[in-house]
Amino acid sequence: MTNLPANILIADDDSDILSALSLALKGKQYRVTTASTPHQVLTLLSRKQFCCLLIDLNYSQDTTSGKEGISLVQSIRKIDKHVPIIAITGYGSIDIAVSAMQSGANDFIEKPWRNNQLLTKVGQHTEHVATLRKNQKLLQENQLLKQHKQVPLIAQSQAMQTLQEQINRIALSDMNILLTGENGTGKSLLASYIHQQSKRNDHSFITVNMGGISESLFESEMFGHVKGAFTDAKEDRVGRFELASQGTLFLDEIANININQQAKLLHVLEERKFERVGSNITLDNDVRLISATNADLTEMINDGQFRQDLLYRLNTIELRVPPLRERTEDILPLAEHFLERLCNKYHLDKKELAQQAIEFMLLYQWPGNIRELHHTMERSIFLSNSEYIELAHLNLPGEQTLASKNSHEPSDLTLEQIEKSVIIERLQRFNNDPLQTAQSLGLSRSAYYRRLDKYRLNVC
């Protein structure tokens, strides 16, 4: 919830009463909107969310019975079942006040009122509804969200360091970001990292798998619904846009939504407003949008499968996440990070990678990227019955390529791949010491550094 002043709607056909009530409430920093007819009340309520309503029960058509006001209370309840309603009655009209509360009002005040009593009642009801709305949002956040811990990026490779520098600058803006790259490259983690580095990091980070939402539930999931909006709407539901208010909304697998869903999403992004299904109350769309896909959206546009105007809204800036084979220097740090975390998770003794396993991992292409690396480490800690993870424990295709090296069998590796793997192995053996590494390779210092630059090997 924000700390902005609560919105109060006052309805009365007497301009003097409207002025007096407005003056009393504005003095306590409430934001006041006034109406002089039931029609104006219903119109305003359908357009804006209020924290409390002060409603007169008698208008010009009927100045004594209160029927017009009671009918108004009933109509309000059809639009908003929870907003607090305080009925305003004339002196001695207790019976009318009781009828109003039976029709849906929460409280009443009598004319002439005492300002202290008025402010106490308004304060109690606005605080109560604010708590209800906050609890509703928190409940759904707990159901939808996993905790996003502050996990630093592992970025020892030049490719990832460059990307991280871009992200650190861009995160401070409110630009919409499109993350592209192969499956398993860590786009979800990067989206969370962007949120952590942004000015919105005190608010929610909401993730939506766009491929997992059926077309019939798309609007309900994204924008929410009110109770009774459709057959299975047993209670009010806060949508993902509302949950992410003032925070970040991450739309994963954005290419998987169909044209109809794209149109609905585009409308919200253009208007920066939306309504819950079954409600006429317009809510502001204040989110930072991050999207991700492994698809070629330009090709999908050419094939008529994706809207070009939606792409323009999503990719104020596009960031390509490199595959693991383009960031070889990150393989071992990532693997060691996963091993430590997984051993702690399963309460196992610490395990280390054997040299032959390391050599193979640095040469392997990792078609499943970081996700495949994580699964490989998880599998290997259970296949290994010692403190070391050997090559066989990786259980990856092509293990025999490296295992056959000692028998001098030919392999499919290029000369550059072999040279790079040998340099990486020596760097690890000598703890990145340049003199010892260069001597072991038979290279001069200048030739050694030329190869580090050629293979983009960052040595601290």
Protein backbone atom coordinates (compact mmCIF):
# COMPACT_ATOMS: atom_id res chain seq x y z
CA MET A 1 0.00 0.00 0.00
CA THR A 2 1.11 3.53 -0.64
CA ASN A 3 1.28 6.35 1.92
CA LEU A 4 -0.81 8.70 -0.19
CA PRO A 5 -3.80 10.45 1.49
CA ALA A 6 -7.01 8.43 1.48
CA ASN A 7 -9.65 9.29 -1.16
CA ILE A 8 -12.98 10.30 0.37
CA LEU A 9 -16.23 10.82 -1.57
CA ILE A 10 -18.87 13.12 -0.03
CA ALA A 11 -22.41 13.21 -1.44
CA ASP A 12 -25.03 15.77 -0.42
CA ASP A 13 -27.37 18.11 -2.33
CA ASP A 14 -26.62 20.96 0.10
CA SER A 15 -23.53 22.89 -1.08
CA ASP A 16 -22.96 24.34 2.42
CA ILE A 17 -22.73 20.85 3.91
CA LEU A 18 -20.36 19.74 1.15
CA SER A 19 -18.13 22.72 1.89
CA ALA A 20 -18.14 22.14 5.64
CA LEU A 21 -17.35 18.43 5.37
CA SER A 22 -14.66 19.05 2.76
CA LEU A 23 -12.99 21.67 4.94
CA ALA A 24 -12.97 19.36 7.98
CA LEU A 25 -11.49 16.41 6.05
CA LYS A 26 -8.96 18.33 3.99
CA GLY A 27 -7.59 19.73 7.22
CA LYS A 28 -6.57 16.16 8.04
CA GLN A 29 -4.91 15.65 4.64
CA TYR A 30 -7.70 13.57 3.09
CA ARG A 31 -8.27 13.91 -0.67
CA VAL A 32 -11.92 14.88 -1.08
CA THR A 33 -14.26 14.45 -4.06
CA THR A 34 -17.83 15.78 -3.90
CA ALA A 35 -21.11 14.86 -5.58
CA SER A 36 -24.56 16.38 -5.32
CA THR A 37 -26.72 13.61 -6.84
CA PRO A 38 -26.90 9.80 -6.62
CA HIS A 39 -26.08 9.59 -10.33
CA GLN A 40 -22.85 11.51 -9.81
CA VAL A 41 -21.91 9.18 -6.94
CA LEU A 42 -22.31 6.05 -9.06
CA THR A 43 -20.45 7.60 -11.97
CA LEU A 44 -17.49 8.61 -9.80
CA LEU A 45 -17.43 5.25 -8.04
CA SER A 46 -17.22 3.41 -11.36
CA ARG A 47 -14.17 5.45 -12.36
CA LYS A 48 -12.15 5.69 -9.16
CA GLN A 49 -11.40 3.74 -6.01
CA PHE A 50 -12.33 5.42 -2.71
CA CYS A 51 -11.40 4.58 0.87
CA CYS A 52 -14.63 5.89 2.41
CA LEU A 53 -18.00 7.36 1.30
CA LEU A 54 -20.02 9.95 3.24
CA ILE A 55 -23.53 9.66 1.78
CA ASP A 56 -26.53 11.83 2.55
CA LEU A 57 -29.77 9.84 2.65
CA ASN A 58 -32.10 12.62 1.43
CA TYR A 59 -31.90 14.43 -1.90
CA SER A 60 -34.07 16.92 -3.72
CA GLN A 61 -36.59 14.34 -4.94
CA ASP A 62 -37.42 13.28 -1.40
CA THR A 63 -36.18 15.36 1.52
CA THR A 64 -37.42 13.29 4.50
CA SER A 65 -37.92 9.53 3.96
CA GLY A 66 -34.34 8.56 3.14
CA LYS A 67 -35.52 6.12 0.47
CA GLU A 68 -33.41 7.75 -2.22
CA GLY A 69 -30.30 7.44 -0.06
CA ILE A 70 -31.02 3.81 0.89
CA SER A 71 -31.47 2.97 -2.79
CA LEU A 72 -28.12 4.66 -3.46
CA VAL A 73 -26.42 2.54 -0.77
CA GLN A 74 -27.81 -0.61 -2.38
CA SER A 75 -26.54 0.50 -5.81
CA ILE A 76 -23.09 1.27 -4.38
CA ARG A 77 -22.88 -2.23 -2.97
CA LYS A 78 -23.43 -3.67 -6.45
CA ILE A 79 -20.34 -1.79 -7.65
CA ASP A 80 -18.08 -2.15 -4.59
CA LYS A 81 -18.89 -4.61 -1.82
CA HIS A 82 -16.21 -3.46 0.58
CA VAL A 83 -15.84 0.34 0.47
CA PRO A 84 -16.95 1.83 3.84
CA ILE A 85 -20.19 3.84 3.67
CA ILE A 86 -21.05 6.35 6.39
CA ALA A 87 -24.66 7.52 6.09
CA ILE A 88 -25.47 11.17 6.89
CA THR A 89 -28.88 11.57 8.54
CA GLY A 90 -30.91 14.41 10.00
CA TYR A 91 -31.27 14.81 13.75
CA GLY A 92 -33.61 12.18 15.24
CA SER A 93 -33.60 10.01 12.08
CA ILE A 94 -32.26 6.89 13.81
CA ASP A 95 -34.79 4.60 12.11
CA ILE A 96 -33.60 5.76 8.69
CA ALA A 97 -29.97 5.23 9.74
CA VAL A 98 -30.75 1.67 10.84
CA SER A 99 -32.43 0.97 7.50
CA ALA A 100 -29.40 2.34 5.70
CA MET A 101 -27.08 0.02 7.66
CA GLN A 102 -29.36 -2.93 6.93
CA SER A 103 -29.00 -2.03 3.24
CA GLY A 104 -25.20 -2.01 3.36
CA ALA A 105 -23.97 1.13 5.13
CA ASN A 106 -21.25 0.63 7.76
CA ASP A 107 -21.95 3.59 10.06
CA PHE A 108 -23.83 6.87 10.34
CA ILE A 109 -23.46 10.43 11.63
CA GLU A 110 -26.22 12.87 12.51
CA LYS A 111 -26.55 16.47 11.44
CA PRO A 112 -25.28 18.64 12.98
CA TRP A 113 -22.10 16.61 13.54
CA ARG A 114 -19.11 17.18 15.73
CA ASN A 115 -15.88 17.32 13.75
CA ASN A 116 -13.98 15.17 16.24
CA GLN A 117 -16.59 12.44 16.01
CA LEU A 118 -16.66 12.69 12.20
CA LEU A 119 -12.87 12.45 11.88
CA THR A 120 -12.73 9.51 14.30
CA LYS A 121 -15.28 7.52 12.31
CA VAL A 122 -13.66 8.31 8.94
CA GLY A 123 -10.22 7.43 10.32
CA GLN A 124 -11.38 4.09 11.69
CA HIS A 125 -13.08 3.04 8.46
CA THR A 126 -10.30 4.18 6.11
CA GLU A 127 -7.69 2.35 8.20
CA HIS A 128 -9.84 -0.78 8.22
CA VAL A 129 -10.36 -0.87 4.47
CA ALA A 130 -6.67 -0.12 3.88
CA THR A 131 -5.79 -3.13 6.04
CA LEU A 132 -8.28 -5.35 4.21
CA ARG A 133 -6.89 -4.36 0.82
CA LYS A 134 -3.31 -4.80 1.99
CA ASN A 135 -4.07 -8.24 3.46
CA GLN A 136 -5.81 -9.32 0.27
CA LYS A 137 -2.77 -8.32 -1.76
CA LEU A 138 -0.31 -9.97 0.64
CA LEU A 139 -2.34 -13.19 0.66
CA GLN A 140 -2.17 -13.48 -3.10
CA GLU A 141 1.51 -12.53 -3.13
CA ASN A 142 2.22 -15.37 -0.73
CA GLN A 143 0.32 -17.76 -2.98
CA LEU A 144 1.99 -16.58 -6.18
CA LEU A 145 5.52 -15.63 -5.20
CA LYS A 146 8.66 -17.38 -4.15
CA GLN A 147 11.13 -15.34 -2.17
CA HIS A 148 13.60 -13.60 -4.47
CA LYS A 149 16.82 -13.64 -2.49
CA GLN A 150 19.60 -11.20 -3.22
CA VAL A 151 21.80 -13.54 -5.27
CA PRO A 152 24.74 -11.79 -6.98
CA LEU A 153 25.27 -12.47 -10.66
CA ILE A 154 28.14 -14.77 -11.51
CA ALA A 155 29.79 -12.77 -14.25
CA GLN A 156 33.48 -13.49 -14.70
CA SER A 157 33.23 -13.66 -18.48
CA GLN A 158 33.59 -10.52 -20.58
CA ALA A 159 30.17 -11.13 -22.16
CA MET A 160 28.39 -11.18 -18.80
CA GLN A 161 30.39 -8.31 -17.35
CA THR A 162 29.37 -6.15 -20.30
CA LEU A 163 25.73 -7.18 -19.86
CA GLN A 164 25.85 -6.51 -16.13
CA GLU A 165 27.24 -3.02 -16.71
CA GLN A 166 24.36 -2.31 -19.11
CA ILE A 167 21.80 -3.64 -16.65
CA ASN A 168 23.15 -1.60 -13.75
CA ARG A 169 22.64 1.58 -15.77
CA ILE A 170 19.28 0.67 -17.30
CA ALA A 171 17.80 -0.62 -14.04
CA LEU A 172 17.69 2.91 -12.64
CA SER A 173 15.23 3.95 -15.35
CA ASP A 174 11.60 2.86 -15.80
CA MET A 175 12.15 1.61 -19.35
CA ASN A 176 10.44 -1.60 -20.39
CA ILE A 177 13.03 -4.30 -21.08
CA LEU A 178 12.91 -7.31 -23.40
CA LEU A 179 15.32 -10.12 -22.53
CA THR A 180 16.10 -12.46 -25.42
CA GLY A 181 18.20 -15.59 -25.56
CA GLU A 182 18.09 -19.36 -25.62
CA ASN A 183 16.18 -21.44 -23.09
CA GLY A 184 17.96 -21.86 -19.77
CA THR A 185 20.27 -18.85 -20.04
CA GLY A 186 19.02 -17.26 -16.81
CA LYS A 187 16.59 -14.63 -18.09
CA SER A 188 14.37 -15.01 -15.01
CA LEU A 189 17.32 -14.45 -12.68
CA LEU A 190 18.34 -11.38 -14.66
CA ALA A 191 14.81 -9.98 -14.44
CA SER A 192 14.94 -10.38 -10.66
CA TYR A 193 18.40 -8.78 -10.60
CA ILE A 194 17.11 -5.79 -12.60
CA HIS A 195 14.31 -5.33 -10.06
CA GLN A 196 16.80 -5.54 -7.18
CA GLN A 197 18.92 -2.80 -8.75
CA SER A 198 15.95 -0.54 -9.55
CA LYS A 199 14.26 2.22 -7.57
CA ARG A 200 11.22 -0.07 -7.29
CA ASN A 201 12.98 -2.73 -5.23
CA ASP A 202 10.94 -1.96 -2.10
CA HIS A 203 7.83 -3.17 -3.92
CA SER A 204 6.74 -6.48 -5.42
CA PHE A 205 8.46 -8.49 -8.13
CA ILE A 206 5.72 -10.54 -9.82
CA THR A 207 6.48 -13.29 -12.34
CA VAL A 208 3.96 -14.60 -14.87
CA ASN A 209 4.52 -17.55 -17.19
CA MET A 210 2.54 -16.25 -20.15
CA GLY A 211 2.45 -19.67 -21.80
CA GLY A 212 0.69 -21.15 -18.78
CA ILE A 213 -2.41 -18.92 -18.81
CA SER A 214 -5.45 -20.12 -20.75
CA GLU A 215 -7.25 -17.62 -22.94
CA SER A 216 -10.45 -17.86 -20.87
CA LEU A 217 -8.61 -16.88 -17.67
CA PHE A 218 -6.19 -14.38 -19.16
CA GLU A 219 -8.03 -11.20 -18.07
CA SER A 220 -8.78 -12.59 -14.60
CA GLU A 221 -5.16 -13.61 -14.01
CA MET A 222 -3.65 -10.41 -15.35
CA PHE A 223 -6.19 -7.78 -14.24
CA GLY A 224 -8.16 -9.52 -11.46
CA HIS A 225 -11.90 -10.00 -10.98
CA VAL A 226 -14.64 -9.22 -8.50
CA LYS A 227 -16.81 -11.78 -6.78
CA GLY A 228 -19.63 -12.96 -9.03
CA ALA A 229 -18.02 -11.70 -12.25
CA PHE A 230 -18.34 -15.21 -13.68
CA THR A 231 -19.46 -18.66 -12.51
CA ASP A 232 -16.32 -19.66 -10.58
CA ALA A 233 -15.58 -16.19 -9.17
CA LYS A 234 -16.23 -17.11 -5.53
CA GLU A 235 -14.31 -14.12 -4.16
CA ASP A 236 -12.49 -11.00 -5.28
CA ARG A 237 -9.09 -11.66 -6.87
CA VAL A 238 -6.22 -9.23 -7.33
CA GLY A 239 -4.60 -9.52 -10.77
CA ARG A 240 -0.89 -9.59 -11.53
CA PHE A 241 -0.77 -5.95 -12.66
CA GLU A 242 -2.32 -4.83 -9.38
CA LEU A 243 -0.04 -7.10 -7.33
CA ALA A 244 2.98 -5.55 -9.05
CA SER A 245 1.81 -1.97 -8.45
CA GLN A 246 4.83 0.33 -8.06
CA GLY A 247 7.06 -2.72 -8.53
CA THR A 248 8.10 -4.93 -11.43
CA LEU A 249 6.02 -7.31 -13.55
CA PHE A 250 8.01 -10.01 -15.35
CA LEU A 251 6.25 -11.58 -18.35
CA ASP A 252 8.15 -14.77 -19.09
CA GLU A 253 7.66 -16.59 -22.43
CA ILE A 254 5.89 -13.54 -23.85
CA ALA A 255 5.84 -15.04 -27.37
CA ASN A 256 3.43 -17.75 -26.20
CA ILE A 257 0.34 -15.53 -25.90
CA ASN A 258 -2.10 -15.45 -28.80
CA ILE A 259 -3.22 -12.47 -30.83
CA ASN A 260 -6.35 -11.82 -28.73
CA GLN A 261 -4.33 -11.78 -25.51
CA GLN A 262 -1.76 -9.54 -27.17
CA ALA A 263 -4.48 -6.99 -27.97
CA LYS A 264 -5.70 -6.92 -24.35
CA LEU A 265 -2.18 -6.53 -23.04
CA LEU A 266 -1.39 -3.79 -25.55
CA HIS A 267 -4.48 -1.81 -24.50
CA VAL A 268 -3.37 -1.77 -20.85
CA LEU A 269 0.17 -0.75 -21.78
CA GLU A 270 -1.08 2.07 -23.99
CA GLU A 271 -3.72 3.43 -21.61
CA ARG A 272 -1.77 2.64 -18.42
CA LYS A 273 -5.11 1.77 -16.83
CA PHE A 274 -7.20 -1.38 -16.37
CA GLU A 275 -10.32 -2.72 -14.67
CA ARG A 276 -10.91 -5.95 -12.82
CA VAL A 277 -13.27 -8.31 -14.64
CA GLY A 278 -16.81 -7.45 -13.55
CA SER A 279 -15.85 -4.04 -12.13
CA ASN A 280 -16.23 -0.54 -13.51
CA ILE A 281 -13.52 0.89 -11.23
CA THR A 282 -10.50 1.98 -13.25
CA LEU A 283 -7.10 1.31 -11.66
CA ASP A 284 -3.77 2.86 -12.60
CA ASN A 285 -1.11 0.68 -14.19
CA ASP A 286 2.10 1.67 -12.42
CA VAL A 287 4.53 -1.18 -13.11
CA ARG A 288 7.96 -1.63 -14.62
CA LEU A 289 7.59 -4.28 -17.32
CA ILE A 290 10.26 -6.86 -18.12
CA SER A 291 9.55 -9.51 -20.76
CA ALA A 292 11.52 -12.53 -21.92
CA THR A 293 11.48 -14.89 -24.87
CA ASN A 294 13.65 -17.34 -26.74
CA ALA A 295 11.64 -16.79 -29.93
CA ASP A 296 12.45 -14.57 -32.90
CA LEU A 297 9.71 -11.95 -32.48
CA THR A 298 10.61 -10.22 -35.76
CA GLU A 299 10.00 -13.45 -37.63
CA MET A 300 6.75 -13.96 -35.72
CA ILE A 301 5.65 -10.45 -36.76
CA ASN A 302 6.37 -11.26 -40.39
CA ASP A 303 4.30 -14.45 -40.02
CA GLY A 304 1.40 -12.52 -38.44
CA GLN A 305 1.82 -14.26 -35.07
CA PHE A 306 2.93 -11.28 -33.02
CA ARG A 307 1.85 -7.64 -33.02
CA GLN A 308 4.50 -5.15 -34.00
CA ASP A 309 2.92 -2.38 -31.92
CA LEU A 310 3.09 -4.64 -28.85
CA LEU A 311 6.77 -5.33 -29.48
CA TYR A 312 7.40 -1.57 -29.56
CA ARG A 313 5.78 -1.31 -26.11
CA LEU A 314 7.79 -4.21 -24.69
CA ASN A 315 11.28 -3.46 -25.97
CA THR A 316 12.15 0.09 -25.11
CA ILE A 317 15.49 -1.66 -24.87
CA GLU A 318 16.38 -5.24 -25.80
CA LEU A 319 19.10 -7.17 -23.98
CA ARG A 320 20.47 -10.44 -25.37
CA VAL A 321 21.49 -12.97 -22.72
CA PRO A 322 24.46 -15.01 -24.05
CA PRO A 323 24.36 -18.81 -24.01
CA LEU A 324 26.69 -20.64 -21.66
CA ARG A 325 29.02 -21.70 -24.50
CA GLU A 326 29.80 -17.98 -25.05
CA ARG A 327 30.70 -17.42 -21.39
CA THR A 328 33.05 -20.34 -20.69
CA GLU A 329 34.74 -18.52 -17.81
CA ASP A 330 31.46 -18.67 -15.88
CA ILE A 331 30.99 -22.46 -16.13
CA LEU A 332 33.13 -23.48 -13.15
CA PRO A 333 32.03 -20.64 -10.82
CA LEU A 334 28.40 -21.49 -11.62
CA ALA A 335 28.98 -25.21 -11.11
CA GLU A 336 30.70 -24.62 -7.76
CA HIS A 337 27.89 -22.30 -6.69
CA PHE A 338 25.29 -24.96 -7.56
CA LEU A 339 27.27 -27.69 -5.81
CA GLU A 340 27.51 -25.73 -2.59
CA ARG A 341 23.84 -24.79 -2.63
CA LEU A 342 22.64 -28.31 -3.52
CA CYS A 343 24.83 -30.03 -0.92
CA ASN A 344 23.41 -27.69 1.71
CA LYS A 345 19.88 -28.32 0.47
CA TYR A 346 20.22 -32.11 0.67
CA HIS A 347 22.43 -32.05 3.80
CA LEU A 348 25.35 -33.73 2.02
CA ASP A 349 29.07 -33.34 2.63
CA LYS A 350 30.79 -30.85 0.37
CA LYS A 351 31.82 -32.25 -3.03
CA GLU A 352 34.41 -31.07 -5.53
CA LEU A 353 34.83 -31.55 -9.26
CA ALA A 354 37.62 -33.86 -10.38
CA GLN A 355 40.09 -32.49 -12.95
CA GLN A 356 38.84 -34.66 -15.82
CA ALA A 357 35.25 -33.60 -15.11
CA ILE A 358 36.35 -29.95 -15.19
CA GLU A 359 38.11 -30.37 -18.51
CA PHE A 360 35.07 -31.97 -20.08
CA MET A 361 32.69 -29.33 -18.71
CA LEU A 362 34.79 -26.55 -20.23
CA LEU A 363 34.65 -28.23 -23.65
CA TYR A 364 31.01 -29.30 -23.54
CA GLN A 365 28.61 -27.05 -25.48
CA TRP A 366 25.78 -27.01 -22.87
CA PRO A 367 22.77 -26.89 -25.24
CA GLY A 368 20.50 -26.53 -22.19
CA ASN A 369 22.66 -23.71 -20.83
CA ILE A 370 22.60 -22.85 -17.11
CA ARG A 371 19.50 -24.94 -16.49
CA GLU A 372 21.29 -28.01 -17.85
CA LEU A 373 24.36 -27.22 -15.74
CA HIS A 374 22.21 -27.00 -12.60
CA HIS A 375 20.48 -30.32 -13.35
CA THR A 376 23.85 -31.92 -14.07
CA MET A 377 25.25 -30.84 -10.71
CA GLU A 378 22.13 -32.01 -8.90
CA ARG A 379 22.31 -35.41 -10.56
CA SER A 380 26.04 -35.80 -10.03
CA ILE A 381 26.02 -35.27 -6.25
CA PHE A 382 23.87 -38.40 -5.93
CA LEU A 383 25.80 -40.46 -8.49
CA SER A 384 29.06 -39.76 -6.66
CA ASN A 385 29.75 -41.75 -3.49
CA SER A 386 32.92 -39.86 -2.57
CA GLU A 387 33.97 -36.26 -2.08
CA TYR A 388 34.81 -35.93 -5.78
CA ILE A 389 32.56 -35.73 -8.83
CA GLU A 390 34.27 -37.65 -11.61
CA LEU A 391 33.65 -37.42 -15.34
CA ALA A 392 31.33 -40.45 -15.30
CA HIS A 393 29.15 -38.84 -12.64
CA LEU A 394 28.26 -35.96 -14.99
CA ASN A 395 26.37 -38.41 -17.19
CA LEU A 396 26.54 -36.08 -20.20
CA PRO A 397 26.61 -37.03 -23.89
CA GLY A 398 30.09 -37.15 -25.42
CA GLU A 399 32.01 -37.94 -22.22
CA GLN A 400 34.12 -40.48 -24.11
CA THR A 401 35.58 -37.70 -26.27
CA LEU A 402 37.71 -36.49 -23.39
CA ALA A 403 38.13 -39.91 -21.78
CA SER A 404 39.76 -41.19 -25.00
CA LYS A 405 42.39 -38.46 -24.94
CA ASN A 406 44.89 -40.64 -23.08
CA SER A 407 44.60 -43.39 -25.70
CA HIS A 408 45.37 -40.81 -28.44
CA GLU A 409 42.10 -41.44 -30.26
CA PRO A 410 41.08 -38.60 -32.60
CA SER A 411 38.34 -36.22 -31.45
CA ASP A 412 36.07 -33.68 -33.11
CA LEU A 413 37.57 -30.76 -31.18
CA THR A 414 39.08 -27.86 -33.09
CA LEU A 415 42.62 -26.72 -32.40
CA GLU A 416 41.32 -23.52 -30.78
CA GLN A 417 39.01 -25.47 -28.48
CA ILE A 418 41.89 -27.69 -27.36
CA GLU A 419 44.20 -24.73 -26.83
CA LYS A 420 41.60 -22.81 -24.83
CA SER A 421 40.80 -25.81 -22.61
CA VAL A 422 44.51 -26.38 -21.87
CA ILE A 423 45.00 -22.71 -20.91
CA ILE A 424 41.97 -22.82 -18.59
CA GLU A 425 43.23 -26.03 -16.97
CA ARG A 426 46.68 -24.48 -16.33
CA LEU A 427 45.14 -21.30 -14.93
CA GLN A 428 43.23 -23.39 -12.42
CA ARG A 429 46.27 -25.52 -11.58
CA PHE A 430 48.44 -22.50 -10.82
CA ASN A 431 45.73 -20.32 -9.25
CA ASN A 432 45.91 -17.79 -12.11
CA ASP A 433 49.62 -17.09 -11.50
CA PRO A 434 50.78 -15.61 -14.85
CA LEU A 435 54.46 -16.59 -14.60
CA GLN A 436 53.87 -20.22 -13.65
CA THR A 437 51.03 -20.60 -16.16
CA ALA A 438 53.05 -19.11 -19.03
CA GLN A 439 56.10 -21.26 -18.21
CA SER A 440 54.05 -24.45 -18.05
CA LEU A 441 52.65 -23.66 -21.51
CA GLY A 442 56.08 -22.76 -22.94
CA LEU A 443 54.90 -19.23 -23.73
CA SER A 444 56.47 -15.85 -23.26
CA ARG A 445 54.58 -13.36 -21.08
CA SER A 446 53.45 -11.37 -24.15
CA ALA A 447 52.31 -14.51 -26.00
CA TYR A 448 50.48 -15.67 -22.87
CA TYR A 449 48.54 -12.39 -22.57
CA ARG A 450 47.72 -12.37 -26.29
CA ARG A 451 46.02 -15.74 -25.83
CA LEU A 452 44.12 -14.54 -22.78
CA ASP A 453 42.79 -11.68 -24.90
CA LYS A 454 42.06 -13.96 -27.86
CA TYR A 455 39.92 -16.30 -25.77
CA ARG A 456 38.47 -13.54 -23.57
CA LEU A 457 39.80 -15.15 -20.40
CA ASN A 458 39.59 -12.71 -17.52
CA VAL A 459 42.19 -13.37 -14.86
CA CYS A 460 41.96 -11.41 -11.59
